[in-house]
Amino acid sequence: MHTRSSPPQSEGENDITIETVTGSKPRCDWSGKDEIQLINFLIEHKAEAGDSATFKPVIWNAAAQLLEKSRVKGGPKTSKSCSDKWTRVRRTALDDDIATHHTFF
């Protein structure tokens, strides 16, 4: 049956497979080796972060290209995923440092 809001049905319509497109990208996978490689890369380029300790997009792009060369699992490493990972790693390192070196009353 064809109504105004539904498309016409054709013979054999049940034989057609319809794929749903989600638009989501495969999630990148970060191994410990990947994290160390990112940290070492950023240490090598720390002078480029300047006084604000903020890396510019060109650094994140270069980090992503470097990490892509050794990717074995998950989606591609992008400049955004590298920046996001650095934020999480840095925050974790700071939290660990505070927890081990400070006493809270």
PDB file of N, CA and C in Angstrom:
ATOM      1  N   MET A   1       0.846  -1.178   0.000  1.00  0.00           N
ATOM      2  CA  MET A   1       0.000   0.000   0.000  1.00  0.00           C
ATOM      3  C   MET A   1       0.888   1.236   0.000  1.00  0.00           C
ATOM      4  N   HIS A   2       0.546   2.204  -0.794  1.00  0.00           N
ATOM      5  CA  HIS A   2       1.310   3.441  -0.898  1.00  0.00           C
ATOM      6  C   HIS A   2       0.472   4.596  -0.381  1.00  0.00           C
ATOM      7  N   THR A   3       1.022   5.309   0.604  1.00  0.00           N
ATOM      8  CA  THR A   3       0.364   6.524   1.097  1.00  0.00           C
ATOM      9  C   THR A   3       1.256   7.700   0.781  1.00  0.00           C
ATOM     10  N   ARG A   4       0.766   8.867   1.067  1.00  0.00           N
ATOM     11  CA  ARG A   4       1.537  10.067   0.780  1.00  0.00           C
ATOM     12  C   ARG A   4       2.839  10.127   1.586  1.00  0.00           C
ATOM     13  N   SER A   5       2.850   9.551   2.781  1.00  0.00           N
ATOM     14  CA  SER A   5       4.039   9.636   3.627  1.00  0.00           C
ATOM     15  C   SER A   5       4.965   8.437   3.486  1.00  0.00           C
ATOM     16  N   SER A   6       4.581   7.440   2.717  1.00  0.00           N
ATOM     17  CA  SER A   6       5.465   6.292   2.550  1.00  0.00           C
ATOM     18  C   SER A   6       5.849   6.132   1.084  1.00  0.00           C
ATOM     19  N   PRO A   7       7.058   5.638   0.835  1.00  0.00           N
ATOM     20  CA  PRO A   7       7.486   5.457  -0.552  1.00  0.00           C
ATOM     21  C   PRO A   7       6.767   4.262  -1.175  1.00  0.00           C
ATOM     22  N   PRO A   8       6.642   4.248  -2.468  1.00  0.00           N
ATOM     23  CA  PRO A   8       5.984   3.114  -3.123  1.00  0.00           C
ATOM     24  C   PRO A   8       6.804   1.847  -2.920  1.00  0.00           C
ATOM     25  N   GLN A   9       6.120   0.746  -2.751  1.00  0.00           N
ATOM     26  CA  GLN A   9       6.795  -0.540  -2.589  1.00  0.00           C
ATOM     27  C   GLN A   9       6.914  -1.205  -3.944  1.00  0.00           C
ATOM     28  N   SER A  10       8.027  -1.839  -4.165  1.00  0.00           N
ATOM     29  CA  SER A  10       8.209  -2.547  -5.424  1.00  0.00           C
ATOM     30  C   SER A  10       8.292  -4.036  -5.148  1.00  0.00           C
ATOM     31  N   GLU A  11       8.144  -4.794  -6.171  1.00  0.00           N
ATOM     32  CA  GLU A  11       8.215  -6.232  -6.047  1.00  0.00           C
ATOM     33  C   GLU A  11       9.619  -6.633  -5.617  1.00  0.00           C
ATOM     34  N   GLY A  12       9.730  -7.560  -4.678  1.00  0.00           N
ATOM     35  CA  GLY A  12      11.034  -8.010  -4.209  1.00  0.00           C
ATOM     36  C   GLY A  12      11.681  -7.051  -3.233  1.00  0.00           C
ATOM     37  N   GLU A  13      10.922  -6.132  -2.668  1.00  0.00           N
ATOM     38  CA  GLU A  13      11.486  -5.136  -1.754  1.00  0.00           C
ATOM     39  C   GLU A  13      12.137  -5.786  -0.545  1.00  0.00           C
ATOM     40  N   ASN A  14      11.621  -6.911  -0.125  1.00  0.00           N
ATOM     41  CA  ASN A  14      12.183  -7.593   1.035  1.00  0.00           C
ATOM     42  C   ASN A  14      13.582  -8.137   0.758  1.00  0.00           C
ATOM     43  N   ASP A  15      13.984  -8.194  -0.492  1.00  0.00           N
ATOM     44  CA  ASP A  15      15.304  -8.694  -0.854  1.00  0.00           C
ATOM     45  C   ASP A  15      16.385  -7.619  -0.715  1.00  0.00           C
ATOM     46  N   ILE A  16      16.018  -6.406  -0.468  1.00  0.00           N
ATOM     47  CA  ILE A  16      16.969  -5.296  -0.381  1.00  0.00           C
ATOM     48  C   ILE A  16      17.430  -5.137   1.062  1.00  0.00           C
ATOM     49  N   THR A  17      18.741  -5.046   1.255  1.00  0.00           N
ATOM     50  CA  THR A  17      19.301  -4.809   2.583  1.00  0.00           C
ATOM     51  C   THR A  17      19.530  -3.320   2.732  1.00  0.00           C
ATOM     52  N   ILE A  18      19.012  -2.762   3.802  1.00  0.00           N
ATOM     53  CA  ILE A  18      19.172  -1.333   4.067  1.00  0.00           C
ATOM     54  C   ILE A  18      20.146  -1.178   5.225  1.00  0.00           C
ATOM     55  N   GLU A  19      21.212  -0.407   5.002  1.00  0.00           N
ATOM     56  CA  GLU A  19      22.191  -0.162   6.040  1.00  0.00           C
ATOM     57  C   GLU A  19      21.922   1.188   6.679  1.00  0.00           C
ATOM     58  N   THR A  20      22.029   1.221   7.978  1.00  0.00           N
ATOM     59  CA  THR A  20      21.869   2.469   8.699  1.00  0.00           C
ATOM     60  C   THR A  20      23.219   3.149   8.786  1.00  0.00           C
ATOM     61  N   VAL A  21      23.267   4.399   8.416  1.00  0.00           N
ATOM     62  CA  VAL A  21      24.494   5.170   8.486  1.00  0.00           C
ATOM     63  C   VAL A  21      24.442   6.007   9.752  1.00  0.00           C
ATOM     64  N   THR A  22      25.374   5.748  10.654  1.00  0.00           N
ATOM     65  CA  THR A  22      25.373   6.459  11.929  1.00  0.00           C
ATOM     66  C   THR A  22      26.204   7.728  11.876  1.00  0.00           C
ATOM     67  N   GLY A  23      27.176   7.766  10.991  1.00  0.00           N
ATOM     68  CA  GLY A  23      28.017   8.942  10.896  1.00  0.00           C
ATOM     69  C   GLY A  23      29.110   8.976  11.954  1.00  0.00           C
ATOM     70  N   SER A  24      29.168   7.974  12.827  1.00  0.00           N
ATOM     71  CA  SER A  24      30.202   7.974  13.851  1.00  0.00           C
ATOM     72  C   SER A  24      31.474   7.341  13.293  1.00  0.00           C
ATOM     73  N   LYS A  25      32.597   7.835  13.781  1.00  0.00           N
ATOM     74  CA  LYS A  25      33.890   7.338  13.333  1.00  0.00           C
ATOM     75  C   LYS A  25      34.360   6.262  14.304  1.00  0.00           C
ATOM     76  N   PRO A  26      35.181   5.319  13.821  1.00  0.00           N
ATOM     77  CA  PRO A  26      35.705   4.316  14.741  1.00  0.00           C
ATOM     78  C   PRO A  26      36.572   4.981  15.807  1.00  0.00           C
ATOM     79  N   ARG A  27      36.419   4.540  17.007  1.00  0.00           N
ATOM     80  CA  ARG A  27      37.141   5.115  18.136  1.00  0.00           C
ATOM     81  C   ARG A  27      38.604   4.691  18.085  1.00  0.00           C
ATOM     82  N   CYS A  28      39.509   5.627  18.333  1.00  0.00           N
ATOM     83  CA  CYS A  28      40.916   5.267  18.318  1.00  0.00           C
ATOM     84  C   CYS A  28      41.264   4.528  19.612  1.00  0.00           C
ATOM     85  N   ASP A  29      42.243   3.667  19.521  1.00  0.00           N
ATOM     86  CA  ASP A  29      42.668   2.852  20.644  1.00  0.00           C
ATOM     87  C   ASP A  29      44.050   3.326  21.073  1.00  0.00           C
ATOM     88  N   TRP A  30      44.215   3.590  22.353  1.00  0.00           N
ATOM     89  CA  TRP A  30      45.485   4.082  22.873  1.00  0.00           C
ATOM     90  C   TRP A  30      46.151   3.002  23.723  1.00  0.00           C
ATOM     91  N   SER A  31      47.255   2.487  23.258  1.00  0.00           N
ATOM     92  CA  SER A  31      48.040   1.548  24.048  1.00  0.00           C
ATOM     93  C   SER A  31      48.985   2.355  24.940  1.00  0.00           C
ATOM     94  N   GLY A  32      49.593   1.690  25.892  1.00  0.00           N
ATOM     95  CA  GLY A  32      50.591   2.358  26.719  1.00  0.00           C
ATOM     96  C   GLY A  32      51.740   2.881  25.873  1.00  0.00           C
ATOM     97  N   LYS A  33      52.108   2.107  24.850  1.00  0.00           N
ATOM     98  CA  LYS A  33      53.178   2.525  23.939  1.00  0.00           C
ATOM     99  C   LYS A  33      52.784   3.814  23.206  1.00  0.00           C
ATOM    100  N   ASP A  34      51.520   3.902  22.781  1.00  0.00           N
ATOM    101  CA  ASP A  34      51.039   5.109  22.102  1.00  0.00           C
ATOM    102  C   ASP A  34      51.132   6.328  23.025  1.00  0.00           C
ATOM    103  N   GLU A  35      50.721   6.141  24.266  1.00  0.00           N
ATOM    104  CA  GLU A  35      50.772   7.249  25.229  1.00  0.00           C
ATOM    105  C   GLU A  35      52.202   7.717  25.440  1.00  0.00           C
ATOM    106  N   ILE A  36      53.117   6.774  25.597  1.00  0.00           N
ATOM    107  CA  ILE A  36      54.528   7.128  25.793  1.00  0.00           C
ATOM    108  C   ILE A  36      55.072   7.840  24.563  1.00  0.00           C
ATOM    109  N   GLN A  37      54.698   7.369  23.391  1.00  0.00           N
ATOM    110  CA  GLN A  37      55.155   8.001  22.153  1.00  0.00           C
ATOM    111  C   GLN A  37      54.642   9.437  22.063  1.00  0.00           C
ATOM    112  N   LEU A  38      53.374   9.656  22.442  1.00  0.00           N
ATOM    113  CA  LEU A  38      52.807  11.009  22.432  1.00  0.00           C
ATOM    114  C   LEU A  38      53.539  11.896  23.434  1.00  0.00           C
ATOM    115  N   ILE A  39      53.739  11.405  24.648  1.00  0.00           N
ATOM    116  CA  ILE A  39      54.415  12.195  25.683  1.00  0.00           C
ATOM    117  C   ILE A  39      55.828  12.545  25.243  1.00  0.00           C
ATOM    118  N   ASN A  40      56.574  11.571  24.717  1.00  0.00           N
ATOM    119  CA  ASN A  40      57.943  11.843  24.261  1.00  0.00           C
ATOM    120  C   ASN A  40      57.966  12.871  23.128  1.00  0.00           C
ATOM    121  N   PHE A  41      57.007  12.771  22.220  1.00  0.00           N
ATOM    122  CA  PHE A  41      56.918  13.739  21.125  1.00  0.00           C
ATOM    123  C   PHE A  41      56.694  15.146  21.685  1.00  0.00           C
ATOM    124  N   LEU A  42      55.774  15.249  22.649  1.00  0.00           N
ATOM    125  CA  LEU A  42      55.481  16.566  23.226  1.00  0.00           C
ATOM    126  C   LEU A  42      56.660  17.105  24.035  1.00  0.00           C
ATOM    127  N   ILE A  43      57.392  16.232  24.691  1.00  0.00           N
ATOM    128  CA  ILE A  43      58.596  16.674  25.416  1.00  0.00           C
ATOM    129  C   ILE A  43      59.611  17.247  24.433  1.00  0.00           C
ATOM    130  N   GLU A  44      59.770  16.569  23.293  1.00  0.00           N
ATOM    131  CA  GLU A  44      60.704  17.051  22.261  1.00  0.00           C
ATOM    132  C   GLU A  44      60.288  18.416  21.715  1.00  0.00           C
ATOM    133  N   HIS A  45      59.000  18.729  21.765  1.00  0.00           N
ATOM    134  CA  HIS A  45      58.488  19.971  21.197  1.00  0.00           C
ATOM    135  C   HIS A  45      57.983  20.944  22.273  1.00  0.00           C
ATOM    136  N   LYS A  46      58.394  20.737  23.523  1.00  0.00           N
ATOM    137  CA  LYS A  46      57.852  21.565  24.605  1.00  0.00           C
ATOM    138  C   LYS A  46      58.181  23.045  24.441  1.00  0.00           C
ATOM    139  N   ALA A  47      59.292  23.367  23.813  1.00  0.00           N
ATOM    140  CA  ALA A  47      59.648  24.772  23.609  1.00  0.00           C
ATOM    141  C   ALA A  47      58.626  25.474  22.719  1.00  0.00           C
ATOM    142  N   GLU A  48      57.974  24.713  21.849  1.00  0.00           N
ATOM    143  CA  GLU A  48      56.992  25.292  20.943  1.00  0.00           C
ATOM    144  C   GLU A  48      55.658  25.585  21.635  1.00  0.00           C
ATOM    145  N   ALA A  49      55.503  25.088  22.856  1.00  0.00           N
ATOM    146  CA  ALA A  49      54.269  25.361  23.607  1.00  0.00           C
ATOM    147  C   ALA A  49      54.294  26.771  24.179  1.00  0.00           C
ATOM    148  N   GLY A  50      55.492  27.326  24.349  1.00  0.00           N
ATOM    149  CA  GLY A  50      55.604  28.684  24.869  1.00  0.00           C
ATOM    150  C   GLY A  50      55.248  28.779  26.338  1.00  0.00           C
ATOM    151  N   ASP A  51      55.143  30.003  26.811  1.00  0.00           N
ATOM    152  CA  ASP A  51      54.861  30.255  28.224  1.00  0.00           C
ATOM    153  C   ASP A  51      53.476  29.792  28.647  1.00  0.00           C
ATOM    154  N   SER A  52      52.561  29.731  27.709  1.00  0.00           N
ATOM    155  CA  SER A  52      51.194  29.342  28.049  1.00  0.00           C
ATOM    156  C   SER A  52      51.051  27.824  28.180  1.00  0.00           C
ATOM    157  N   ALA A  53      52.123  27.087  27.835  1.00  0.00           N
ATOM    158  CA  ALA A  53      52.117  25.615  27.886  1.00  0.00           C
ATOM    159  C   ALA A  53      50.981  25.029  27.048  1.00  0.00           C
ATOM    160  N   THR A  54      50.661  25.707  25.959  1.00  0.00           N
ATOM    161  CA  THR A  54      49.608  25.250  25.061  1.00  0.00           C
ATOM    162  C   THR A  54      50.223  24.961  23.695  1.00  0.00           C
ATOM    163  N   PHE A  55      49.996  23.767  23.211  1.00  0.00           N
ATOM    164  CA  PHE A  55      50.518  23.406  21.894  1.00  0.00           C
ATOM    165  C   PHE A  55      49.585  23.888  20.803  1.00  0.00           C
ATOM    166  N   LYS A  56      50.167  24.358  19.729  1.00  0.00           N
ATOM    167  CA  LYS A  56      49.402  24.843  18.582  1.00  0.00           C
ATOM    168  C   LYS A  56      48.941  23.666  17.719  1.00  0.00           C
ATOM    169  N   PRO A  57      47.934  23.901  16.871  1.00  0.00           N
ATOM    170  CA  PRO A  57      47.408  22.822  16.022  1.00  0.00           C
ATOM    171  C   PRO A  57      48.460  22.111  15.179  1.00  0.00           C
ATOM    172  N   VAL A  58      49.491  22.821  14.741  1.00  0.00           N
ATOM    173  CA  VAL A  58      50.524  22.195  13.913  1.00  0.00           C
ATOM    174  C   VAL A  58      51.220  21.068  14.682  1.00  0.00           C
ATOM    175  N   ILE A  59      51.405  21.229  15.977  1.00  0.00           N
ATOM    176  CA  ILE A  59      52.035  20.192  16.806  1.00  0.00           C
ATOM    177  C   ILE A  59      51.113  18.989  16.921  1.00  0.00           C
ATOM    178  N   TRP A  60      49.815  19.243  17.140  1.00  0.00           N
ATOM    179  CA  TRP A  60      48.858  18.129  17.256  1.00  0.00           C
ATOM    180  C   TRP A  60      48.752  17.367  15.936  1.00  0.00           C
ATOM    181  N   ASN A  61      48.810  18.084  14.821  1.00  0.00           N
ATOM    182  CA  ASN A  61      48.783  17.425  13.511  1.00  0.00           C
ATOM    183  C   ASN A  61      50.015  16.536  13.320  1.00  0.00           C
ATOM    184  N   ALA A  62      51.171  17.054  13.716  1.00  0.00           N
ATOM    185  CA  ALA A  62      52.407  16.274  13.587  1.00  0.00           C
ATOM    186  C   ALA A  62      52.382  15.051  14.501  1.00  0.00           C
ATOM    187  N   ALA A  63      51.851  15.208  15.700  1.00  0.00           N
ATOM    188  CA  ALA A  63      51.744  14.080  16.636  1.00  0.00           C
ATOM    189  C   ALA A  63      50.827  13.005  16.049  1.00  0.00           C
ATOM    190  N   ALA A  64      49.710  13.424  15.487  1.00  0.00           N
ATOM    191  CA  ALA A  64      48.765  12.477  14.895  1.00  0.00           C
ATOM    192  C   ALA A  64      49.411  11.719  13.733  1.00  0.00           C
ATOM    193  N   GLN A  65      50.158  12.423  12.892  1.00  0.00           N
ATOM    194  CA  GLN A  65      50.829  11.773  11.763  1.00  0.00           C
ATOM    195  C   GLN A  65      51.855  10.755  12.258  1.00  0.00           C
ATOM    196  N   LEU A  66      52.589  11.106  13.301  1.00  0.00           N
ATOM    197  CA  LEU A  66      53.577  10.203  13.860  1.00  0.00           C
ATOM    198  C   LEU A  66      52.913   8.943  14.418  1.00  0.00           C
ATOM    199  N   LEU A  67      51.857   9.121  15.178  1.00  0.00           N
ATOM    200  CA  LEU A  67      51.184   7.989  15.801  1.00  0.00           C
ATOM    201  C   LEU A  67      50.468   7.108  14.783  1.00  0.00           C
ATOM    202  N   GLU A  68      50.017   7.697  13.704  1.00  0.00           N
ATOM    203  CA  GLU A  68      49.344   6.923  12.656  1.00  0.00           C
ATOM    204  C   GLU A  68      50.283   5.904  12.015  1.00  0.00           C
ATOM    205  N   LYS A  69      51.560   6.214  11.982  1.00  0.00           N
ATOM    206  CA  LYS A  69      52.536   5.315  11.358  1.00  0.00           C
ATOM    207  C   LYS A  69      52.621   3.972  12.087  1.00  0.00           C
ATOM    208  N   SER A  70      52.309   3.976  13.376  1.00  0.00           N
ATOM    209  CA  SER A  70      52.446   2.738  14.146  1.00  0.00           C
ATOM    210  C   SER A  70      51.096   2.202  14.642  1.00  0.00           C
ATOM    211  N   ARG A  71      49.993   2.734  14.121  1.00  0.00           N
ATOM    212  CA  ARG A  71      48.670   2.280  14.572  1.00  0.00           C
ATOM    213  C   ARG A  71      48.426   0.851  14.141  1.00  0.00           C
ATOM    214  N   VAL A  72      47.962   0.031  15.098  1.00  0.00           N
ATOM    215  CA  VAL A  72      47.648  -1.361  14.782  1.00  0.00           C
ATOM    216  C   VAL A  72      46.206  -1.710  15.139  1.00  0.00           C
ATOM    217  N   LYS A  73      45.547  -0.840  15.870  1.00  0.00           N
ATOM    218  CA  LYS A  73      44.205  -1.157  16.346  1.00  0.00           C
ATOM    219  C   LYS A  73      43.390   0.125  16.477  1.00  0.00           C
ATOM    220  N   GLY A  74      42.100   0.020  16.226  1.00  0.00           N
ATOM    221  CA  GLY A  74      41.200   1.153  16.414  1.00  0.00           C
ATOM    222  C   GLY A  74      41.228   2.131  15.256  1.00  0.00           C
ATOM    223  N   GLY A  75      40.462   3.202  15.429  1.00  0.00           N
ATOM    224  CA  GLY A  75      40.376   4.238  14.413  1.00  0.00           C
ATOM    225  C   GLY A  75      41.622   5.095  14.380  1.00  0.00           C
ATOM    226  N   PRO A  76      41.702   5.985  13.409  1.00  0.00           N
ATOM    227  CA  PRO A  76      42.895   6.823  13.262  1.00  0.00           C
ATOM    228  C   PRO A  76      43.058   7.814  14.415  1.00  0.00           C
ATOM    229  N   LYS A  77      44.299   8.083  14.719  1.00  0.00           N
ATOM    230  CA  LYS A  77      44.621   9.120  15.697  1.00  0.00           C
ATOM    231  C   LYS A  77      44.550  10.450  14.950  1.00  0.00           C
ATOM    232  N   THR A  78      43.788  11.379  15.483  1.00  0.00           N
ATOM    233  CA  THR A  78      43.648  12.692  14.865  1.00  0.00           C
ATOM    234  C   THR A  78      44.301  13.733  15.766  1.00  0.00           C
ATOM    235  N   SER A  79      44.428  14.943  15.266  1.00  0.00           N
ATOM    236  CA  SER A  79      44.993  16.001  16.101  1.00  0.00           C
ATOM    237  C   SER A  79      44.123  16.214  17.342  1.00  0.00           C
ATOM    238  N   LYS A  80      42.810  16.125  17.179  1.00  0.00           N
ATOM    239  CA  LYS A  80      41.901  16.297  18.322  1.00  0.00           C
ATOM    240  C   LYS A  80      42.039  15.153  19.315  1.00  0.00           C
ATOM    241  N   SER A  81      42.143  13.919  18.822  1.00  0.00           N
ATOM    242  CA  SER A  81      42.271  12.799  19.758  1.00  0.00           C
ATOM    243  C   SER A  81      43.606  12.870  20.507  1.00  0.00           C
ATOM    244  N   CYS A  82      44.657  13.354  19.849  1.00  0.00           N
ATOM    245  CA  CYS A  82      45.949  13.521  20.520  1.00  0.00           C
ATOM    246  C   CYS A  82      45.859  14.592  21.599  1.00  0.00           C
ATOM    247  N   SER A  83      45.236  15.708  21.270  1.00  0.00           N
ATOM    248  CA  SER A  83      45.066  16.788  22.239  1.00  0.00           C
ATOM    249  C   SER A  83      44.218  16.333  23.430  1.00  0.00           C
ATOM    250  N   ASP A  84      43.132  15.634  23.134  1.00  0.00           N
ATOM    251  CA  ASP A  84      42.258  15.130  24.198  1.00  0.00           C
ATOM    252  C   ASP A  84      42.994  14.130  25.084  1.00  0.00           C
ATOM    253  N   LYS A  85      43.774  13.247  24.476  1.00  0.00           N
ATOM    254  CA  LYS A  85      44.533  12.254  25.248  1.00  0.00           C
ATOM    255  C   LYS A  85      45.540  12.951  26.151  1.00  0.00           C
ATOM    256  N   TRP A  86      46.225  13.965  25.627  1.00  0.00           N
ATOM    257  CA  TRP A  86      47.201  14.703  26.413  1.00  0.00           C
ATOM    258  C   TRP A  86      46.522  15.358  27.621  1.00  0.00           C
ATOM    259  N   THR A  87      45.361  15.913  27.408  1.00  0.00           N
ATOM    260  CA  THR A  87      44.624  16.540  28.512  1.00  0.00           C
ATOM    261  C   THR A  87      44.335  15.507  29.603  1.00  0.00           C
ATOM    262  N   ARG A  88      43.881  14.314  29.208  1.00  0.00           N
ATOM    263  CA  ARG A  88      43.573  13.268  30.192  1.00  0.00           C
ATOM    264  C   ARG A  88      44.838  12.758  30.880  1.00  0.00           C
ATOM    265  N   VAL A  89      45.912  12.535  30.123  1.00  0.00           N
ATOM    266  CA  VAL A  89      47.161  12.039  30.691  1.00  0.00           C
ATOM    267  C   VAL A  89      47.730  13.065  31.667  1.00  0.00           C
ATOM    268  N   ARG A  90      47.729  14.310  31.265  1.00  0.00           N
ATOM    269  CA  ARG A  90      48.274  15.375  32.111  1.00  0.00           C
ATOM    270  C   ARG A  90      47.468  15.500  33.394  1.00  0.00           C
ATOM    271  N   ARG A  91      46.146  15.454  33.270  1.00  0.00           N
ATOM    272  CA  ARG A  91      45.277  15.559  34.442  1.00  0.00           C
ATOM    273  C   ARG A  91      45.514  14.382  35.393  1.00  0.00           C
ATOM    274  N   THR A  92      45.642  13.190  34.851  1.00  0.00           N
ATOM    275  CA  THR A  92      45.898  12.002  35.673  1.00  0.00           C
ATOM    276  C   THR A  92      47.237  12.125  36.380  1.00  0.00           C
ATOM    277  N   ALA A  93      48.253  12.582  35.655  1.00  0.00           N
ATOM    278  CA  ALA A  93      49.579  12.742  36.251  1.00  0.00           C
ATOM    279  C   ALA A  93      49.540  13.771  37.376  1.00  0.00           C
ATOM    280  N   LEU A  94      48.830  14.862  37.179  1.00  0.00           N
ATOM    281  CA  LEU A  94      48.722  15.879  38.223  1.00  0.00           C
ATOM    282  C   LEU A  94      47.958  15.354  39.429  1.00  0.00           C
ATOM    283  N   ASP A  95      46.881  14.622  39.185  1.00  0.00           N
ATOM    284  CA  ASP A  95      46.110  14.038  40.287  1.00  0.00           C
ATOM    285  C   ASP A  95      46.963  13.055  41.076  1.00  0.00           C
ATOM    286  N   ASP A  96      47.742  12.237  40.377  1.00  0.00           N
ATOM    287  CA  ASP A  96      48.618  11.275  41.053  1.00  0.00           C
ATOM    288  C   ASP A  96      49.680  11.990  41.870  1.00  0.00           C
ATOM    289  N   ASP A  97      50.232  13.062  41.304  1.00  0.00           N
ATOM    290  CA  ASP A  97      51.259  13.824  42.005  1.00  0.00           C
ATOM    291  C   ASP A  97      50.692  14.447  43.279  1.00  0.00           C
ATOM    292  N   ILE A  98      49.526  15.011  43.189  1.00  0.00           N
ATOM    293  CA  ILE A  98      48.891  15.619  44.354  1.00  0.00           C
ATOM    294  C   ILE A  98      48.600  14.553  45.414  1.00  0.00           C
ATOM    295  N   ALA A  99      48.113  13.419  44.985  1.00  0.00           N
ATOM    296  CA  ALA A  99      47.753  12.356  45.928  1.00  0.00           C
ATOM    297  C   ALA A  99      48.972  11.783  46.652  1.00  0.00           C
ATOM    298  N   THR A 100      50.115  11.733  45.982  1.00  0.00           N
ATOM    299  CA  THR A 100      51.286  11.111  46.601  1.00  0.00           C
ATOM    300  C   THR A 100      52.182  12.103  47.338  1.00  0.00           C
ATOM    301  N   HIS A 101      52.064  13.382  47.055  1.00  0.00           N
ATOM    302  CA  HIS A 101      52.977  14.344  47.674  1.00  0.00           C
ATOM    303  C   HIS A 101      52.325  15.350  48.618  1.00  0.00           C
ATOM    304  N   HIS A 102      51.035  15.306  48.758  1.00  0.00           N
ATOM    305  CA  HIS A 102      50.352  16.264  49.607  1.00  0.00           C
ATOM    306  C   HIS A 102      49.458  15.541  50.595  1.00  0.00           C
ATOM    307  N   THR A 103      49.390  16.092  51.774  1.00  0.00           N
ATOM    308  CA  THR A 103      48.500  15.556  52.791  1.00  0.00           C
ATOM    309  C   THR A 103      47.334  16.530  52.931  1.00  0.00           C
ATOM    310  N   PHE A 104      46.151  16.003  52.869  1.00  0.00           N
ATOM    311  CA  PHE A 104      44.964  16.833  53.006  1.00  0.00           C
ATOM    312  C   PHE A 104      44.408  16.659  54.413  1.00  0.00           C
ATOM    313  N   PHE A 105      43.980  17.749  55.019  1.00  0.00           N
ATOM    314  CA  PHE A 105      43.455  17.708  56.389  1.00  0.00           C
ATOM    315  C   PHE A 105      41.953  17.642  56.350  1.00  0.00           C
TER     316      PHE A 105
END
